[in-house]
Amino acid sequence: MFTISGWARVHSPVGEVLLEPGSILTIPAGVECRGFPDGHARTVTFYFHPEYLADQVRWLSATHPLVQHLHRALEDLPQLHQLQLAASAMRDLAPTLVLIARQRWGKIGSFAMLSMTTDIFEAVGRLAGIASETAEGSMVAGQAPRREVVLAIALLRADLGRDWRINELASEVALSGSQLARLFRAQIGVSPAALLRQLRADQMAELLATTKLGVAEIATAVGWSDPAVASRAFKQRYGAAPRAYASFTRNKMHERNSPQEPIL
């Protein structure tokens, strides 16, 4: 289970774990869990048949951090195991995770699906060593923000196109504007306005990777009235212009779905 955004608590017979952006949770077969989001949580879950997984992990490096967790999950022990990536690492993985989640068998070949899954595993191994950071910005890892902050973030996510004002957002969560701004700085690491720009850029990245819409259309869809402003904000967060990002991700997907010439 890959946690893309938000926070949640997962209860199992042997205890509770907190999920935050960047959390990867492995759940052994047969273990019943209940998840409770703290205001908002978005996850993508891969389901593997235990026998298939046991056969596949034999070919993967035992030093890979996620492979170690999968080996433990196959030991029929009830414990949940958690790997924590930096929030920025999960942000980079999110478009591919969402793309996989939206695919339907028959519309994409099984090898293409396995290729995308392999990309995720390789990226996790590469990104697992990145220093930990804030969940949405600079929050202390392993600790969910205050309820008012979580609710404010959920409100921003629910209406990215709104011309939010700090006092309006604060009023929605029964705080003053100065109180909310102070809590955001302390617990998230950025102001509400800066977080809104990040959320819009992240949604833009997802749409660029998973749709055929143009950059201007997507910029409007995520709340920007000026495509030039959207492009600058996107490049600042992702290090590439929206068109270049879209071209790379869409070409990669096209290559996976293209018929392959036989090698013999």
Protein backbone atom coordinates (compact mmCIF):
# COMPACT_ATOMS: atom_id res chain seq x y z
CA MET A 1 0.00 0.00 0.00
CA PHE A 2 1.59 3.26 -1.20
CA THR A 3 0.48 6.43 0.58
CA ILE A 4 0.47 9.26 -1.95
CA SER A 5 -0.98 11.98 0.26
CA GLY A 6 -2.68 12.60 3.57
CA TRP A 7 -2.56 10.64 6.80
CA ALA A 8 -4.30 7.51 8.05
CA ARG A 9 -4.11 4.99 10.86
CA VAL A 10 -4.24 1.28 10.06
CA HIS A 11 -5.30 -1.10 12.81
CA SER A 12 -4.41 -4.79 12.75
CA PRO A 13 -4.63 -7.58 15.37
CA VAL A 14 -1.04 -6.81 16.44
CA GLY A 15 -1.16 -3.02 16.63
CA GLU A 16 -1.53 0.28 14.81
CA VAL A 17 0.62 2.10 12.24
CA LEU A 18 0.45 5.70 11.06
CA LEU A 19 0.57 6.26 7.31
CA GLU A 20 1.79 9.57 5.91
CA PRO A 21 2.95 10.68 2.46
CA GLY A 22 5.77 8.36 1.48
CA SER A 23 4.67 5.41 3.63
CA ILE A 24 4.73 1.96 2.00
CA LEU A 25 2.92 -0.69 4.02
CA THR A 26 3.18 -4.44 3.44
CA ILE A 27 0.32 -6.55 4.74
CA PRO A 28 0.67 -10.35 4.92
CA ALA A 29 -2.02 -12.53 3.36
CA GLY A 30 -4.93 -13.25 5.67
CA VAL A 31 -4.32 -10.30 8.03
CA GLU A 32 -7.45 -8.22 8.47
CA CYS A 33 -6.83 -4.48 8.74
CA ARG A 34 -8.99 -1.42 9.16
CA GLY A 35 -7.92 1.99 7.92
CA PHE A 36 -9.07 5.32 9.30
CA PRO A 37 -8.04 8.46 7.36
CA ASP A 38 -7.21 11.63 9.24
CA GLY A 39 -9.31 13.96 7.12
CA HIS A 40 -7.82 12.84 3.82
CA ALA A 41 -5.70 9.94 2.65
CA ARG A 42 -4.94 8.69 -0.84
CA THR A 43 -3.34 5.32 -1.40
CA VAL A 44 -2.63 2.90 -4.23
CA THR A 45 -2.58 -0.78 -3.29
CA PHE A 46 -0.99 -3.69 -5.17
CA TYR A 47 -2.48 -7.14 -4.55
CA PHE A 48 -0.18 -10.11 -5.15
CA HIS A 49 -0.98 -13.80 -5.00
CA PRO A 50 1.40 -15.19 -2.33
CA GLU A 51 2.67 -18.05 -4.49
CA TYR A 52 3.32 -15.74 -7.43
CA LEU A 53 5.08 -13.22 -5.19
CA ALA A 54 7.24 -15.90 -3.57
CA ASP A 55 8.36 -17.04 -7.01
CA GLN A 56 9.18 -13.50 -8.17
CA VAL A 57 11.09 -12.22 -5.14
CA ARG A 58 13.62 -15.03 -5.57
CA TRP A 59 14.94 -13.10 -8.57
CA LEU A 60 15.16 -9.74 -6.80
CA SER A 61 18.06 -8.42 -4.78
CA ALA A 62 17.76 -9.29 -1.11
CA THR A 63 19.25 -5.89 -0.27
CA HIS A 64 16.31 -4.04 -1.82
CA PRO A 65 14.42 -2.47 1.13
CA LEU A 66 10.97 -3.32 -0.20
CA VAL A 67 11.98 -6.89 -1.07
CA GLN A 68 13.04 -7.41 2.55
CA HIS A 69 9.56 -6.35 3.67
CA LEU A 70 7.93 -8.68 1.15
CA HIS A 71 10.01 -11.61 2.39
CA ARG A 72 8.77 -10.91 5.92
CA ALA A 73 5.17 -10.71 4.67
CA LEU A 74 5.55 -14.16 3.08
CA GLU A 75 6.63 -15.71 6.38
CA ASP A 76 2.98 -15.93 7.51
CA LEU A 77 3.58 -13.68 10.49
CA PRO A 78 0.82 -11.18 11.34
CA GLN A 79 3.06 -8.10 11.64
CA LEU A 80 2.67 -5.13 9.33
CA HIS A 81 5.92 -3.72 7.95
CA GLN A 82 6.40 -0.13 6.91
CA LEU A 83 8.98 1.56 4.68
CA GLN A 84 9.14 5.36 4.68
CA LEU A 85 10.20 7.32 1.63
CA ALA A 86 10.68 11.08 1.60
CA ALA A 87 7.49 12.90 0.60
CA SER A 88 9.26 14.28 -2.48
CA ALA A 89 10.12 10.72 -3.54
CA MET A 90 6.48 9.64 -3.31
CA ARG A 91 5.48 12.77 -5.21
CA ASP A 92 7.66 11.62 -8.12
CA LEU A 93 6.19 8.10 -7.96
CA ALA A 94 2.57 9.24 -7.72
CA PRO A 95 1.78 9.75 -11.44
CA THR A 96 2.99 6.24 -12.31
CA LEU A 97 1.12 4.73 -9.35
CA VAL A 98 -2.10 6.46 -10.39
CA LEU A 99 -1.55 5.43 -14.01
CA ILE A 100 -1.23 1.78 -12.97
CA ALA A 101 -4.32 2.02 -10.76
CA ARG A 102 -6.40 3.38 -13.63
CA GLN A 103 -5.41 0.71 -16.15
CA ARG A 104 -7.79 -2.07 -17.06
CA TRP A 105 -6.72 -5.51 -18.19
CA GLY A 106 -7.37 -5.86 -21.91
CA LYS A 107 -6.54 -2.22 -22.60
CA ILE A 108 -2.92 -2.66 -21.56
CA GLY A 109 -0.79 -5.73 -22.04
CA SER A 110 0.32 -7.81 -19.09
CA PHE A 111 3.98 -7.14 -19.93
CA ALA A 112 3.33 -3.39 -19.95
CA MET A 113 1.69 -3.64 -16.53
CA LEU A 114 4.61 -5.67 -15.19
CA SER A 115 7.02 -3.16 -16.69
CA MET A 116 5.36 -0.30 -14.84
CA THR A 117 5.35 -2.30 -11.61
CA THR A 118 9.05 -3.03 -12.10
CA ASP A 119 9.68 0.70 -12.55
CA ILE A 120 8.01 1.32 -9.18
CA PHE A 121 10.17 -1.30 -7.45
CA GLU A 122 13.33 0.10 -9.01
CA ALA A 123 12.39 3.63 -8.03
CA VAL A 124 11.66 2.61 -4.44
CA GLY A 125 15.10 1.03 -4.18
CA ARG A 126 16.71 4.17 -5.58
CA LEU A 127 14.70 6.63 -3.49
CA ALA A 128 14.67 4.79 -0.17
CA GLY A 129 18.00 6.34 0.80
CA ILE A 130 16.80 9.94 0.41
CA ALA A 131 16.79 11.78 3.70
CA SER A 132 13.44 11.97 5.42
CA GLU A 133 11.52 15.23 5.22
CA THR A 134 8.14 16.76 5.90
CA ALA A 135 5.04 14.90 4.86
CA GLU A 136 3.55 17.69 2.77
CA GLY A 137 6.44 20.07 3.30
CA SER A 138 8.50 19.96 6.56
CA MET A 139 6.41 18.20 9.13
CA VAL A 140 8.07 15.98 11.70
CA ALA A 141 7.88 12.42 10.37
CA GLY A 142 5.73 9.94 12.25
CA GLN A 143 3.32 12.54 13.54
CA ALA A 144 0.06 13.73 11.99
CA PRO A 145 -0.70 17.48 12.04
CA ARG A 146 -3.40 19.00 14.21
CA ARG A 147 -6.99 18.33 13.19
CA GLU A 148 -7.48 21.92 11.99
CA VAL A 149 -4.47 21.69 9.68
CA VAL A 150 -5.57 18.35 8.26
CA LEU A 151 -9.05 19.74 7.62
CA ALA A 152 -7.65 22.87 5.98
CA ILE A 153 -5.50 20.73 3.65
CA ALA A 154 -8.54 18.61 2.76
CA LEU A 155 -10.49 21.79 1.91
CA LEU A 156 -7.69 23.01 -0.36
CA ARG A 157 -7.55 19.64 -2.12
CA ALA A 158 -11.31 19.55 -2.60
CA ASP A 159 -11.41 22.94 -4.37
CA LEU A 160 -8.07 23.67 -6.03
CA GLY A 161 -9.66 26.23 -8.33
CA ARG A 162 -10.99 28.46 -5.58
CA ASP A 163 -9.32 31.82 -5.01
CA TRP A 164 -8.59 31.02 -1.38
CA ARG A 165 -7.87 33.72 1.18
CA ILE A 166 -6.16 32.83 4.45
CA ASN A 167 -8.99 34.28 6.57
CA GLU A 168 -11.61 32.34 4.59
CA LEU A 169 -9.73 29.08 5.00
CA ALA A 170 -9.11 29.76 8.69
CA SER A 171 -12.79 30.51 9.26
CA GLU A 172 -13.68 27.08 7.82
CA VAL A 173 -11.62 25.40 10.54
CA ALA A 174 -12.56 27.78 13.36
CA LEU A 175 -9.18 29.51 13.68
CA SER A 176 -7.89 32.99 13.02
CA GLY A 177 -5.81 33.59 9.90
CA SER A 178 -2.66 34.19 11.93
CA GLN A 179 -3.20 31.00 13.96
CA LEU A 180 -3.66 28.87 10.86
CA ALA A 181 -0.64 30.41 9.12
CA ARG A 182 1.49 29.77 12.20
CA LEU A 183 0.34 26.13 12.44
CA PHE A 184 1.07 25.55 8.75
CA ARG A 185 4.57 26.93 9.11
CA ALA A 186 5.25 24.85 12.22
CA GLN A 187 3.65 21.55 11.15
CA ILE A 188 3.76 21.59 7.33
CA GLY A 189 6.74 23.83 6.70
CA VAL A 190 5.06 26.09 4.14
CA SER A 191 2.24 28.62 4.08
CA PRO A 192 -1.28 27.64 2.96
CA ALA A 193 -0.72 29.58 -0.29
CA ALA A 194 2.53 27.73 -1.01
CA LEU A 195 0.90 24.39 -0.26
CA LEU A 196 -1.96 25.22 -2.63
CA ARG A 197 0.58 25.84 -5.41
CA GLN A 198 2.20 22.48 -4.64
CA LEU A 199 -1.14 20.67 -4.69
CA ARG A 200 -2.04 22.24 -8.04
CA ALA A 201 1.33 21.27 -9.51
CA ASP A 202 0.97 17.68 -8.24
CA GLN A 203 -2.51 17.37 -9.74
CA MET A 204 -1.16 18.83 -12.96
CA ALA A 205 1.60 16.19 -13.06
CA GLU A 206 -0.96 13.44 -12.60
CA LEU A 207 -3.17 14.73 -15.41
CA LEU A 208 -0.19 15.22 -17.73
CA ALA A 209 0.79 11.59 -17.14
CA THR A 210 -2.65 10.00 -17.31
CA THR A 211 -4.63 12.05 -19.88
CA LYS A 212 -4.16 13.52 -23.35
CA LEU A 213 -5.32 17.00 -22.35
CA GLY A 214 -3.20 19.99 -23.34
CA VAL A 215 -1.13 21.95 -20.87
CA ALA A 216 -3.46 24.98 -20.95
CA GLU A 217 -6.52 22.79 -20.34
CA ILE A 218 -4.86 21.05 -17.42
CA ALA A 219 -3.66 24.33 -15.93
CA THR A 220 -7.25 25.59 -15.95
CA ALA A 221 -8.55 22.30 -14.56
CA VAL A 222 -6.29 22.51 -11.50
CA GLY A 223 -7.12 26.12 -10.73
CA TRP A 224 -4.68 28.37 -12.59
CA SER A 225 -6.11 31.09 -14.81
CA ASP A 226 -2.73 31.85 -16.42
CA PRO A 227 -0.91 28.93 -18.14
CA ALA A 228 2.41 30.81 -17.87
CA VAL A 229 2.07 31.01 -14.08
CA ALA A 230 1.14 27.32 -14.02
CA SER A 231 4.21 26.40 -16.07
CA ARG A 232 6.56 28.32 -13.78
CA ALA A 233 5.07 26.76 -10.65
CA PHE A 234 5.21 23.29 -12.22
CA LYS A 235 8.83 23.63 -13.31
CA GLN A 236 9.82 24.88 -9.88
CA ARG A 237 8.34 21.77 -8.26
CA TYR A 238 9.18 19.10 -10.88
CA GLY A 239 12.30 20.51 -12.52
CA ALA A 240 10.83 20.28 -16.03
CA ALA A 241 8.38 22.27 -18.11
CA PRO A 242 4.88 20.73 -18.33
CA ARG A 243 5.21 19.95 -22.05
CA ALA A 244 8.52 18.17 -21.59
CA TYR A 245 7.16 16.22 -18.62
CA ALA A 246 4.03 15.20 -20.57
CA SER A 247 6.05 14.20 -23.63
CA PHE A 248 8.38 12.00 -21.59
CA THR A 249 5.67 10.21 -19.59
CA ARG A 250 3.32 9.71 -22.55
CA ASN A 251 6.08 8.46 -24.84
CA LYS A 252 7.15 6.00 -22.17
CA MET A 253 3.59 4.70 -21.90
CA HIS A 254 3.29 4.45 -25.70
CA GLU A 255 6.49 2.41 -25.88
CA ARG A 256 5.15 -0.05 -23.34
CA ASN A 257 1.91 -0.54 -25.28
CA SER A 258 3.56 -0.83 -28.71
CA PRO A 259 3.81 -4.36 -30.16
CA GLN A 260 7.30 -5.76 -29.71
CA GLU A 261 9.22 -7.35 -32.56
CA PRO A 262 10.20 -10.95 -31.88
CA ILE A 263 13.87 -11.36 -31.06
CA LEU A 264 14.14 -14.65 -32.98
